[in-house]
């Protein structure tokens, strides 16, 4: 992944996964969606460059997984897509990051 078009394609696929999982239509012109895309660009940049967050937020991640099980399931689908497409694995902290931003576009 080395250009803006590839980032856009990946973010669009991630968005489609969220829409399909939650059976919603995300307004592409909304503030929350633009915020989501910006954060996902930073996430993808870290992922590709091998500079993922590692903060040891295990307790917080586990709590969010219990409290927001559907977001966790959706995030796992995104992780699977990224693993298949880019042969990479997300750290727990990056999973938490994705979950927070999925929650924002689904609320």
PDB file of N, CA and C in Angstrom:
ATOM      1  N   UNK A   1       0.863  -1.166   0.000  1.00  0.00           N
ATOM      2  CA  UNK A   1       0.000   0.000   0.000  1.00  0.00           C
ATOM      3  C   UNK A   1       0.903   1.221   0.000  1.00  0.00           C
ATOM      4  N   UNK A   2       0.943   1.891  -1.125  1.00  0.00           N
ATOM      5  CA  UNK A   2       1.903   2.985  -1.213  1.00  0.00           C
ATOM      6  C   UNK A   2       1.352   4.265  -1.813  1.00  0.00           C
ATOM      7  N   UNK A   3       0.066   4.344  -2.046  1.00  0.00           N
ATOM      8  CA  UNK A   3      -0.469   5.607  -2.543  1.00  0.00           C
ATOM      9  C   UNK A   3      -1.865   5.858  -1.973  1.00  0.00           C
ATOM     10  N   UNK A   4      -2.342   7.071  -2.159  1.00  0.00           N
ATOM     11  CA  UNK A   4      -3.620   7.490  -1.583  1.00  0.00           C
ATOM     12  C   UNK A   4      -4.778   6.650  -2.098  1.00  0.00           C
ATOM     13  N   UNK A   5      -4.717   6.225  -3.348  1.00  0.00           N
ATOM     14  CA  UNK A   5      -5.791   5.422  -3.914  1.00  0.00           C
ATOM     15  C   UNK A   5      -5.924   4.090  -3.188  1.00  0.00           C
ATOM     16  N   UNK A   6      -4.816   3.462  -2.866  1.00  0.00           N
ATOM     17  CA  UNK A   6      -4.860   2.196  -2.133  1.00  0.00           C
ATOM     18  C   UNK A   6      -5.413   2.395  -0.728  1.00  0.00           C
ATOM     19  N   UNK A   7      -5.033   3.478  -0.071  1.00  0.00           N
ATOM     20  CA  UNK A   7      -5.584   3.792   1.246  1.00  0.00           C
ATOM     21  C   UNK A   7      -7.089   3.976   1.136  1.00  0.00           C
ATOM     22  N   UNK A   8      -7.528   4.745   0.140  1.00  0.00           N
ATOM     23  CA  UNK A   8      -8.961   4.987  -0.054  1.00  0.00           C
ATOM     24  C   UNK A   8      -9.716   3.683  -0.296  1.00  0.00           C
ATOM     25  N   UNK A   9      -9.147   2.812  -1.106  1.00  0.00           N
ATOM     26  CA  UNK A   9      -9.769   1.526  -1.400  1.00  0.00           C
ATOM     27  C   UNK A   9      -9.899   0.688  -0.134  1.00  0.00           C
ATOM     28  N   UNK A  10      -8.864   0.646   0.651  1.00  0.00           N
ATOM     29  CA  UNK A  10      -8.876  -0.123   1.892  1.00  0.00           C
ATOM     30  C   UNK A  10      -9.894   0.452   2.878  1.00  0.00           C
ATOM     31  N   UNK A  11      -9.925   1.759   3.025  1.00  0.00           N
ATOM     32  CA  UNK A  11     -10.870   2.401   3.940  1.00  0.00           C
ATOM     33  C   UNK A  11     -12.300   2.171   3.463  1.00  0.00           C
ATOM     34  N   UNK A  12     -12.522   2.204   2.163  1.00  0.00           N
ATOM     35  CA  UNK A  12     -13.858   1.934   1.630  1.00  0.00           C
ATOM     36  C   UNK A  12     -14.275   0.500   1.949  1.00  0.00           C
ATOM     37  N   UNK A  13     -13.361  -0.441   1.801  1.00  0.00           N
ATOM     38  CA  UNK A  13     -13.672  -1.835   2.127  1.00  0.00           C
ATOM     39  C   UNK A  13     -13.968  -1.974   3.617  1.00  0.00           C
ATOM     40  N   UNK A  14     -13.200  -1.316   4.456  1.00  0.00           N
ATOM     41  CA  UNK A  14     -13.455  -1.351   5.899  1.00  0.00           C
ATOM     42  C   UNK A  14     -14.833  -0.778   6.205  1.00  0.00           C
ATOM     43  N   UNK A  15     -15.193   0.298   5.527  1.00  0.00           N
ATOM     44  CA  UNK A  15     -16.506   0.923   5.710  1.00  0.00           C
ATOM     45  C   UNK A  15     -17.610  -0.040   5.288  1.00  0.00           C
ATOM     46  N   UNK A  16     -17.417  -0.713   4.176  1.00  0.00           N
ATOM     47  CA  UNK A  16     -18.406  -1.676   3.699  1.00  0.00           C
ATOM     48  C   UNK A  16     -18.584  -2.825   4.694  1.00  0.00           C
ATOM     49  N   UNK A  17     -17.496  -3.244   5.315  1.00  0.00           N
ATOM     50  CA  UNK A  17     -17.577  -4.294   6.334  1.00  0.00           C
ATOM     51  C   UNK A  17     -18.439  -3.820   7.502  1.00  0.00           C
ATOM     52  N   UNK A  18     -18.228  -2.582   7.927  1.00  0.00           N
ATOM     53  CA  UNK A  18     -19.021  -2.011   9.022  1.00  0.00           C
ATOM     54  C   UNK A  18     -20.491  -1.926   8.614  1.00  0.00           C
ATOM     55  N   UNK A  19     -20.745  -1.413   7.422  1.00  0.00           N
ATOM     56  CA  UNK A  19     -22.127  -1.277   6.961  1.00  0.00           C
ATOM     57  C   UNK A  19     -22.831  -2.630   6.877  1.00  0.00           C
ATOM     58  N   UNK A  20     -22.145  -3.597   6.344  1.00  0.00           N
ATOM     59  CA  UNK A  20     -22.727  -4.927   6.212  1.00  0.00           C
ATOM     60  C   UNK A  20     -22.969  -5.556   7.581  1.00  0.00           C
ATOM     61  N   UNK A  21     -22.000  -5.438   8.456  1.00  0.00           N
ATOM     62  CA  UNK A  21     -22.128  -6.049   9.778  1.00  0.00           C
ATOM     63  C   UNK A  21     -23.307  -5.460  10.557  1.00  0.00           C
ATOM     64  N   UNK A  22     -23.432  -4.147  10.547  1.00  0.00           N
ATOM     65  CA  UNK A  22     -24.465  -3.476  11.323  1.00  0.00           C
ATOM     66  C   UNK A  22     -25.748  -3.201  10.532  1.00  0.00           C
ATOM     67  N   UNK A  23     -25.730  -3.577   9.246  1.00  0.00           N
ATOM     68  CA  UNK A  23     -26.891  -3.336   8.391  1.00  0.00           C
ATOM     69  C   UNK A  23     -27.305  -1.864   8.423  1.00  0.00           C
ATOM     70  N   UNK A  24     -26.311  -0.995   8.181  1.00  0.00           N
ATOM     71  CA  UNK A  24     -26.545   0.443   8.166  1.00  0.00           C
ATOM     72  C   UNK A  24     -25.944   1.034   6.902  1.00  0.00           C
ATOM     73  N   UNK A  25     -26.307   2.256   6.622  1.00  0.00           N
ATOM     74  CA  UNK A  25     -25.706   3.018   5.535  1.00  0.00           C
ATOM     75  C   UNK A  25     -24.983   4.201   6.178  1.00  0.00           C
ATOM     76  N   UNK A  26     -23.695   4.272   6.012  1.00  0.00           N
ATOM     77  CA  UNK A  26     -22.906   5.349   6.601  1.00  0.00           C
ATOM     78  C   UNK A  26     -22.899   6.532   5.636  1.00  0.00           C
ATOM     79  N   UNK A  27     -23.246   7.681   6.140  1.00  0.00           N
ATOM     80  CA  UNK A  27     -23.267   8.906   5.339  1.00  0.00           C
ATOM     81  C   UNK A  27     -21.820   9.330   5.080  1.00  0.00           C
ATOM     82  N   UNK A  28     -21.388   9.202   3.828  1.00  0.00           N
ATOM     83  CA  UNK A  28     -19.997   9.476   3.454  1.00  0.00           C
ATOM     84  C   UNK A  28     -19.615  10.957   3.593  1.00  0.00           C
ATOM     85  N   UNK A  29     -20.591  11.827   3.683  1.00  0.00           N
ATOM     86  CA  UNK A  29     -20.296  13.259   3.811  1.00  0.00           C
ATOM     87  C   UNK A  29     -20.358  13.748   5.253  1.00  0.00           C
ATOM     88  N   UNK A  30     -20.622  12.856   6.190  1.00  0.00           N
ATOM     89  CA  UNK A  30     -20.764  13.272   7.591  1.00  0.00           C
ATOM     90  C   UNK A  30     -19.409  13.560   8.234  1.00  0.00           C
ATOM     91  N   UNK A  31     -19.466  14.388   9.261  1.00  0.00           N
ATOM     92  CA  UNK A  31     -18.261  14.711  10.025  1.00  0.00           C
ATOM     93  C   UNK A  31     -17.646  13.450  10.618  1.00  0.00           C
ATOM     94  N   UNK A  32     -18.482  12.578  11.206  1.00  0.00           N
ATOM     95  CA  UNK A  32     -17.959  11.362  11.841  1.00  0.00           C
ATOM     96  C   UNK A  32     -17.280  10.436  10.832  1.00  0.00           C
ATOM     97  N   UNK A  33     -17.815  10.378   9.617  1.00  0.00           N
ATOM     98  CA  UNK A  33     -17.172   9.540   8.613  1.00  0.00           C
ATOM     99  C   UNK A  33     -15.832  10.127   8.181  1.00  0.00           C
ATOM    100  N   UNK A  34     -15.765  11.431   7.998  1.00  0.00           N
ATOM    101  CA  UNK A  34     -14.488  12.057   7.635  1.00  0.00           C
ATOM    102  C   UNK A  34     -13.457  11.850   8.745  1.00  0.00           C
ATOM    103  N   UNK A  35     -13.923  11.939   9.962  1.00  0.00           N
ATOM    104  CA  UNK A  35     -13.037  11.688  11.103  1.00  0.00           C
ATOM    105  C   UNK A  35     -12.562  10.234  11.083  1.00  0.00           C
ATOM    106  N   UNK A  36     -13.478   9.307  10.818  1.00  0.00           N
ATOM    107  CA  UNK A  36     -13.141   7.891  10.719  1.00  0.00           C
ATOM    108  C   UNK A  36     -12.073   7.664   9.646  1.00  0.00           C
ATOM    109  N   UNK A  37     -12.270   8.244   8.460  1.00  0.00           N
ATOM    110  CA  UNK A  37     -11.302   8.035   7.373  1.00  0.00           C
ATOM    111  C   UNK A  37      -9.934   8.605   7.729  1.00  0.00           C
ATOM    112  N   UNK A  38      -9.912   9.750   8.378  1.00  0.00           N
ATOM    113  CA  UNK A  38      -8.636  10.340   8.780  1.00  0.00           C
ATOM    114  C   UNK A  38      -7.896   9.415   9.755  1.00  0.00           C
ATOM    115  N   UNK A  39      -8.619   8.908  10.749  1.00  0.00           N
ATOM    116  CA  UNK A  39      -7.988   8.024  11.728  1.00  0.00           C
ATOM    117  C   UNK A  39      -7.563   6.697  11.102  1.00  0.00           C
ATOM    118  N   UNK A  40      -8.344   6.198  10.165  1.00  0.00           N
ATOM    119  CA  UNK A  40      -7.972   4.947   9.507  1.00  0.00           C
ATOM    120  C   UNK A  40      -6.748   5.135   8.614  1.00  0.00           C
ATOM    121  N   UNK A  41      -6.591   6.309   8.032  1.00  0.00           N
ATOM    122  CA  UNK A  41      -5.368   6.593   7.256  1.00  0.00           C
ATOM    123  C   UNK A  41      -4.136   6.509   8.156  1.00  0.00           C
ATOM    124  N   UNK A  42      -4.213   7.127   9.333  1.00  0.00           N
ATOM    125  CA  UNK A  42      -3.090   7.065  10.278  1.00  0.00           C
ATOM    126  C   UNK A  42      -2.850   5.627  10.726  1.00  0.00           C
ATOM    127  N   UNK A  43      -3.931   4.915  10.991  1.00  0.00           N
ATOM    128  CA  UNK A  43      -3.810   3.511  11.386  1.00  0.00           C
ATOM    129  C   UNK A  43      -3.121   2.700  10.295  1.00  0.00           C
ATOM    130  N   UNK A  44      -3.590   2.829   9.044  1.00  0.00           N
ATOM    131  CA  UNK A  44      -3.007   2.066   7.935  1.00  0.00           C
ATOM    132  C   UNK A  44      -1.537   2.421   7.720  1.00  0.00           C
ATOM    133  N   UNK A  45      -1.215   3.685   7.864  1.00  0.00           N
ATOM    134  CA  UNK A  45       0.186   4.113   7.726  1.00  0.00           C
ATOM    135  C   UNK A  45       1.053   3.413   8.773  1.00  0.00           C
ATOM    136  N   UNK A  46       0.583   3.386  10.028  1.00  0.00           N
ATOM    137  CA  UNK A  46       1.335   2.703  11.085  1.00  0.00           C
ATOM    138  C   UNK A  46       1.438   1.213  10.799  1.00  0.00           C
ATOM    139  N   UNK A  47       0.331   0.625  10.350  1.00  0.00           N
ATOM    140  CA  UNK A  47       0.295  -0.808  10.079  1.00  0.00           C
ATOM    141  C   UNK A  47       1.310  -1.187   9.005  1.00  0.00           C
ATOM    142  N   UNK A  48       1.296  -0.469   7.905  1.00  0.00           N
ATOM    143  CA  UNK A  48       2.177  -0.771   6.779  1.00  0.00           C
ATOM    144  C   UNK A  48       3.642  -0.508   7.123  1.00  0.00           C
ATOM    145  N   UNK A  49       3.884   0.544   7.905  1.00  0.00           N
ATOM    146  CA  UNK A  49       5.258   0.887   8.264  1.00  0.00           C
ATOM    147  C   UNK A  49       5.766   0.104   9.474  1.00  0.00           C
ATOM    148  N   UNK A  50       4.928  -0.761  10.033  1.00  0.00           N
ATOM    149  CA  UNK A  50       5.346  -1.577  11.174  1.00  0.00           C
ATOM    150  C   UNK A  50       5.547  -0.778  12.444  1.00  0.00           C
ATOM    151  N   UNK A  51       4.797   0.294  12.603  1.00  0.00           N
ATOM    152  CA  UNK A  51       4.940   1.168  13.773  1.00  0.00           C
ATOM    153  C   UNK A  51       3.632   1.238  14.560  1.00  0.00           C
ATOM    154  N   UNK A  52       3.033   0.092  14.832  1.00  0.00           N
ATOM    155  CA  UNK A  52       1.763   0.064  15.533  1.00  0.00           C
ATOM    156  C   UNK A  52       1.915   0.445  17.004  1.00  0.00           C
ATOM    157  N   UNK A  53       0.796   0.928  17.571  1.00  0.00           N
ATOM    158  CA  UNK A  53       0.769   1.242  18.995  1.00  0.00           C
ATOM    159  C   UNK A  53       0.954  -0.026  19.811  1.00  0.00           C
ATOM    160  N   UNK A  54       1.712   0.093  20.887  1.00  0.00           N
ATOM    161  CA  UNK A  54       1.851  -0.983  21.865  1.00  0.00           C
ATOM    162  C   UNK A  54       1.865  -0.311  23.229  1.00  0.00           C
ATOM    163  N   UNK A  55       0.657  -0.231  23.864  1.00  0.00           N
ATOM    164  CA  UNK A  55       0.522   0.512  25.114  1.00  0.00           C
ATOM    165  C   UNK A  55       0.097  -0.333  26.301  1.00  0.00           C
ATOM    166  N   UNK A  56      -0.168  -1.598  26.098  1.00  0.00           N
ATOM    167  CA  UNK A  56      -0.596  -2.495  27.171  1.00  0.00           C
ATOM    168  C   UNK A  56      -1.941  -2.094  27.773  1.00  0.00           C
ATOM    169  N   UNK A  57      -2.910  -1.759  26.943  1.00  0.00           N
ATOM    170  CA  UNK A  57      -4.264  -1.422  27.387  1.00  0.00           C
ATOM    171  C   UNK A  57      -5.154  -2.663  27.409  1.00  0.00           C
ATOM    172  N   UNK A  58      -4.618  -3.762  27.853  1.00  0.00           N
ATOM    173  CA  UNK A  58      -5.322  -5.039  27.803  1.00  0.00           C
ATOM    174  C   UNK A  58      -6.641  -4.997  28.565  1.00  0.00           C
ATOM    175  N   UNK A  59      -6.650  -4.432  29.747  1.00  0.00           N
ATOM    176  CA  UNK A  59      -7.876  -4.387  30.551  1.00  0.00           C
ATOM    177  C   UNK A  59      -8.961  -3.577  29.847  1.00  0.00           C
ATOM    178  N   UNK A  60      -8.593  -2.455  29.284  1.00  0.00           N
ATOM    179  CA  UNK A  60      -9.559  -1.618  28.571  1.00  0.00           C
ATOM    180  C   UNK A  60     -10.102  -2.348  27.346  1.00  0.00           C
ATOM    181  N   UNK A  61      -9.236  -2.987  26.603  1.00  0.00           N
ATOM    182  CA  UNK A  61      -9.670  -3.741  25.423  1.00  0.00           C
ATOM    183  C   UNK A  61     -10.641  -4.850  25.819  1.00  0.00           C
ATOM    184  N   UNK A  62     -10.316  -5.592  26.851  1.00  0.00           N
ATOM    185  CA  UNK A  62     -11.190  -6.679  27.285  1.00  0.00           C
ATOM    186  C   UNK A  62     -12.540  -6.156  27.759  1.00  0.00           C
ATOM    187  N   UNK A  63     -12.548  -5.026  28.455  1.00  0.00           N
ATOM    188  CA  UNK A  63     -13.797  -4.432  28.898  1.00  0.00           C
ATOM    189  C   UNK A  63     -14.651  -4.023  27.696  1.00  0.00           C
ATOM    190  N   UNK A  64     -14.035  -3.355  26.726  1.00  0.00           N
ATOM    191  CA  UNK A  64     -14.767  -2.922  25.539  1.00  0.00           C
ATOM    192  C   UNK A  64     -15.279  -4.127  24.754  1.00  0.00           C
ATOM    193  N   UNK A  65     -14.486  -5.174  24.671  1.00  0.00           N
ATOM    194  CA  UNK A  65     -14.943  -6.386  23.982  1.00  0.00           C
ATOM    195  C   UNK A  65     -16.189  -6.976  24.645  1.00  0.00           C
ATOM    196  N   UNK A  66     -16.232  -6.945  25.965  1.00  0.00           N
ATOM    197  CA  UNK A  66     -17.405  -7.465  26.682  1.00  0.00           C
ATOM    198  C   UNK A  66     -18.617  -6.553  26.525  1.00  0.00           C
ATOM    199  N   UNK A  67     -18.389  -5.254  26.621  1.00  0.00           N
ATOM    200  CA  UNK A  67     -19.487  -4.283  26.590  1.00  0.00           C
ATOM    201  C   UNK A  67     -20.017  -4.015  25.184  1.00  0.00           C
ATOM    202  N   UNK A  68     -19.159  -4.154  24.192  1.00  0.00           N
ATOM    203  CA  UNK A  68     -19.515  -3.847  22.807  1.00  0.00           C
ATOM    204  C   UNK A  68     -19.192  -5.041  21.912  1.00  0.00           C
ATOM    205  N   UNK A  69     -19.885  -6.130  22.165  1.00  0.00           N
ATOM    206  CA  UNK A  69     -19.569  -7.376  21.466  1.00  0.00           C
ATOM    207  C   UNK A  69     -19.749  -7.284  19.953  1.00  0.00           C
ATOM    208  N   UNK A  70     -20.752  -6.541  19.497  1.00  0.00           N
ATOM    209  CA  UNK A  70     -20.960  -6.421  18.054  1.00  0.00           C
ATOM    210  C   UNK A  70     -19.829  -5.625  17.395  1.00  0.00           C
ATOM    211  N   UNK A  71     -19.341  -4.623  18.070  1.00  0.00           N
ATOM    212  CA  UNK A  71     -18.202  -3.865  17.533  1.00  0.00           C
ATOM    213  C   UNK A  71     -16.975  -4.754  17.495  1.00  0.00           C
ATOM    214  N   UNK A  72     -16.802  -5.580  18.508  1.00  0.00           N
ATOM    215  CA  UNK A  72     -15.689  -6.526  18.529  1.00  0.00           C
ATOM    216  C   UNK A  72     -15.780  -7.490  17.348  1.00  0.00           C
ATOM    217  N   UNK A  73     -16.972  -8.032  17.099  1.00  0.00           N
ATOM    218  CA  UNK A  73     -17.146  -8.958  15.974  1.00  0.00           C
ATOM    219  C   UNK A  73     -16.860  -8.268  14.636  1.00  0.00           C
ATOM    220  N   UNK A  74     -17.328  -7.047  14.503  1.00  0.00           N
ATOM    221  CA  UNK A  74     -17.073  -6.281  13.284  1.00  0.00           C
ATOM    222  C   UNK A  74     -15.579  -6.021  13.107  1.00  0.00           C
ATOM    223  N   UNK A  75     -14.924  -5.656  14.185  1.00  0.00           N
ATOM    224  CA  UNK A  75     -13.479  -5.392  14.138  1.00  0.00           C
ATOM    225  C   UNK A  75     -12.721  -6.644  13.734  1.00  0.00           C
ATOM    226  N   UNK A  76     -13.164  -7.779  14.204  1.00  0.00           N
ATOM    227  CA  UNK A  76     -12.510  -9.037  13.823  1.00  0.00           C
ATOM    228  C   UNK A  76     -12.634  -9.280  12.317  1.00  0.00           C
ATOM    229  N   UNK A  77     -13.754  -8.894  11.737  1.00  0.00           N
ATOM    230  CA  UNK A  77     -13.913  -9.016  10.279  1.00  0.00           C
ATOM    231  C   UNK A  77     -12.930  -8.102   9.557  1.00  0.00           C
ATOM    232  N   UNK A  78     -12.728  -6.921  10.084  1.00  0.00           N
ATOM    233  CA  UNK A  78     -11.760  -5.988   9.489  1.00  0.00           C
ATOM    234  C   UNK A  78     -10.352  -6.539   9.648  1.00  0.00           C
ATOM    235  N   UNK A  79     -10.035  -7.073  10.809  1.00  0.00           N
ATOM    236  CA  UNK A  79      -8.717  -7.689  11.017  1.00  0.00           C
ATOM    237  C   UNK A  79      -8.474  -8.809  10.014  1.00  0.00           C
ATOM    238  N   UNK A  80      -9.497  -9.624   9.790  1.00  0.00           N
ATOM    239  CA  UNK A  80      -9.384 -10.731   8.830  1.00  0.00           C
ATOM    240  C   UNK A  80      -9.104 -10.200   7.419  1.00  0.00           C
ATOM    241  N   UNK A  81      -9.835  -9.161   7.036  1.00  0.00           N
ATOM    242  CA  UNK A  81      -9.609  -8.532   5.730  1.00  0.00           C
ATOM    243  C   UNK A  81      -8.169  -8.037   5.613  1.00  0.00           C
ATOM    244  N   UNK A  82      -7.686  -7.345   6.627  1.00  0.00           N
ATOM    245  CA  UNK A  82      -6.322  -6.802   6.597  1.00  0.00           C
ATOM    246  C   UNK A  82      -5.279  -7.921   6.569  1.00  0.00           C
ATOM    247  N   UNK A  83      -5.529  -9.004   7.299  1.00  0.00           N
ATOM    248  CA  UNK A  83      -4.603 -10.139   7.326  1.00  0.00           C
ATOM    249  C   UNK A  83      -4.537 -10.786   5.942  1.00  0.00           C
ATOM    250  N   UNK A  84      -5.709 -10.961   5.315  1.00  0.00           N
ATOM    251  CA  UNK A  84      -5.738 -11.590   3.994  1.00  0.00           C
ATOM    252  C   UNK A  84      -5.160 -10.674   2.913  1.00  0.00           C
ATOM    253  N   UNK A  85      -5.518  -9.408   2.960  1.00  0.00           N
ATOM    254  CA  UNK A  85      -5.134  -8.465   1.919  1.00  0.00           C
ATOM    255  C   UNK A  85      -3.680  -8.004   2.034  1.00  0.00           C
ATOM    256  N   UNK A  86      -3.228  -7.763   3.270  1.00  0.00           N
ATOM    257  CA  UNK A  86      -1.910  -7.145   3.467  1.00  0.00           C
ATOM    258  C   UNK A  86      -0.953  -7.996   4.286  1.00  0.00           C
ATOM    259  N   UNK A  87      -1.388  -9.203   4.654  1.00  0.00           N
ATOM    260  CA  UNK A  87      -0.527 -10.150   5.369  1.00  0.00           C
ATOM    261  C   UNK A  87       0.083  -9.521   6.619  1.00  0.00           C
ATOM    262  N   UNK A  88      -0.769  -8.892   7.400  1.00  0.00           N
ATOM    263  CA  UNK A  88      -0.306  -8.230   8.611  1.00  0.00           C
ATOM    264  C   UNK A  88      -1.294  -8.472   9.740  1.00  0.00           C
ATOM    265  N   UNK A  89      -0.810  -8.345  10.962  1.00  0.00           N
ATOM    266  CA  UNK A  89      -1.628  -8.568  12.149  1.00  0.00           C
ATOM    267  C   UNK A  89      -1.622  -7.290  12.977  1.00  0.00           C
ATOM    268  N   UNK A  90      -2.790  -6.935  13.505  1.00  0.00           N
ATOM    269  CA  UNK A  90      -2.916  -5.730  14.326  1.00  0.00           C
ATOM    270  C   UNK A  90      -2.573  -6.036  15.783  1.00  0.00           C
ATOM    271  N   UNK A  91      -1.926  -5.092  16.442  1.00  0.00           N
ATOM    272  CA  UNK A  91      -1.708  -5.215  17.879  1.00  0.00           C
ATOM    273  C   UNK A  91      -3.032  -4.989  18.600  1.00  0.00           C
ATOM    274  N   UNK A  92      -3.095  -5.392  19.856  1.00  0.00           N
ATOM    275  CA  UNK A  92      -4.312  -5.173  20.651  1.00  0.00           C
ATOM    276  C   UNK A  92      -4.654  -3.687  20.725  1.00  0.00           C
ATOM    277  N   UNK A  93      -3.660  -2.850  20.826  1.00  0.00           N
ATOM    278  CA  UNK A  93      -3.894  -1.415  20.920  1.00  0.00           C
ATOM    279  C   UNK A  93      -4.503  -0.862  19.636  1.00  0.00           C
ATOM    280  N   UNK A  94      -4.061  -1.383  18.501  1.00  0.00           N
ATOM    281  CA  UNK A  94      -4.642  -0.952  17.230  1.00  0.00           C
ATOM    282  C   UNK A  94      -6.066  -1.473  17.080  1.00  0.00           C
ATOM    283  N   UNK A  95      -6.321  -2.670  17.587  1.00  0.00           N
ATOM    284  CA  UNK A  95      -7.687  -3.203  17.585  1.00  0.00           C
ATOM    285  C   UNK A  95      -8.589  -2.288  18.403  1.00  0.00           C
ATOM    286  N   UNK A  96      -8.124  -1.885  19.568  1.00  0.00           N
ATOM    287  CA  UNK A  96      -8.872  -0.950  20.413  1.00  0.00           C
ATOM    288  C   UNK A  96      -9.136   0.357  19.666  1.00  0.00           C
ATOM    289  N   UNK A  97      -8.135   0.863  18.981  1.00  0.00           N
ATOM    290  CA  UNK A  97      -8.242   2.093  18.196  1.00  0.00           C
ATOM    291  C   UNK A  97      -9.340   1.962  17.134  1.00  0.00           C
ATOM    292  N   UNK A  98      -9.338   0.849  16.422  1.00  0.00           N
ATOM    293  CA  UNK A  98     -10.349   0.613  15.393  1.00  0.00           C
ATOM    294  C   UNK A  98     -11.738   0.543  16.026  1.00  0.00           C
ATOM    295  N   UNK A  99     -11.848  -0.166  17.138  1.00  0.00           N
ATOM    296  CA  UNK A  99     -13.145  -0.315  17.804  1.00  0.00           C
ATOM    297  C   UNK A  99     -13.731   1.033  18.203  1.00  0.00           C
ATOM    298  N   UNK A 100     -12.909   1.880  18.752  1.00  0.00           N
ATOM    299  CA  UNK A 100     -13.368   3.213  19.171  1.00  0.00           C
ATOM    300  C   UNK A 100     -13.921   3.978  17.974  1.00  0.00           C
ATOM    301  N   UNK A 101     -13.230   3.914  16.865  1.00  0.00           N
ATOM    302  CA  UNK A 101     -13.660   4.674  15.691  1.00  0.00           C
ATOM    303  C   UNK A 101     -14.850   4.048  14.977  1.00  0.00           C
ATOM    304  N   UNK A 102     -14.982   2.746  15.041  1.00  0.00           N
ATOM    305  CA  UNK A 102     -16.197   2.112  14.524  1.00  0.00           C
ATOM    306  C   UNK A 102     -17.390   2.550  15.365  1.00  0.00           C
ATOM    307  N   UNK A 103     -17.213   2.559  16.650  1.00  0.00           N
ATOM    308  CA  UNK A 103     -18.295   2.998  17.534  1.00  0.00           C
ATOM    309  C   UNK A 103     -18.768   4.412  17.188  1.00  0.00           C
ATOM    310  N   UNK A 104     -17.839   5.283  16.890  1.00  0.00           N
ATOM    311  CA  UNK A 104     -18.195   6.666  16.568  1.00  0.00           C
ATOM    312  C   UNK A 104     -19.020   6.784  15.293  1.00  0.00           C
ATOM    313  N   UNK A 105     -18.740   5.969  14.293  1.00  0.00           N
ATOM    314  CA  UNK A 105     -19.518   6.095  13.053  1.00  0.00           C
ATOM    315  C   UNK A 105     -20.832   5.322  13.106  1.00  0.00           C
ATOM    316  N   UNK A 106     -20.988   4.464  14.097  1.00  0.00           N
ATOM    317  CA  UNK A 106     -22.213   3.676  14.201  1.00  0.00           C
ATOM    318  C   UNK A 106     -23.222   4.273  15.169  1.00  0.00           C
ATOM    319  N   UNK A 107     -22.831   5.218  15.935  1.00  0.00           N
ATOM    320  CA  UNK A 107     -23.738   5.806  16.945  1.00  0.00           C
ATOM    321  C   UNK A 107     -24.540   6.936  16.352  1.00  0.00           C
TER     322      UNK A 107
END
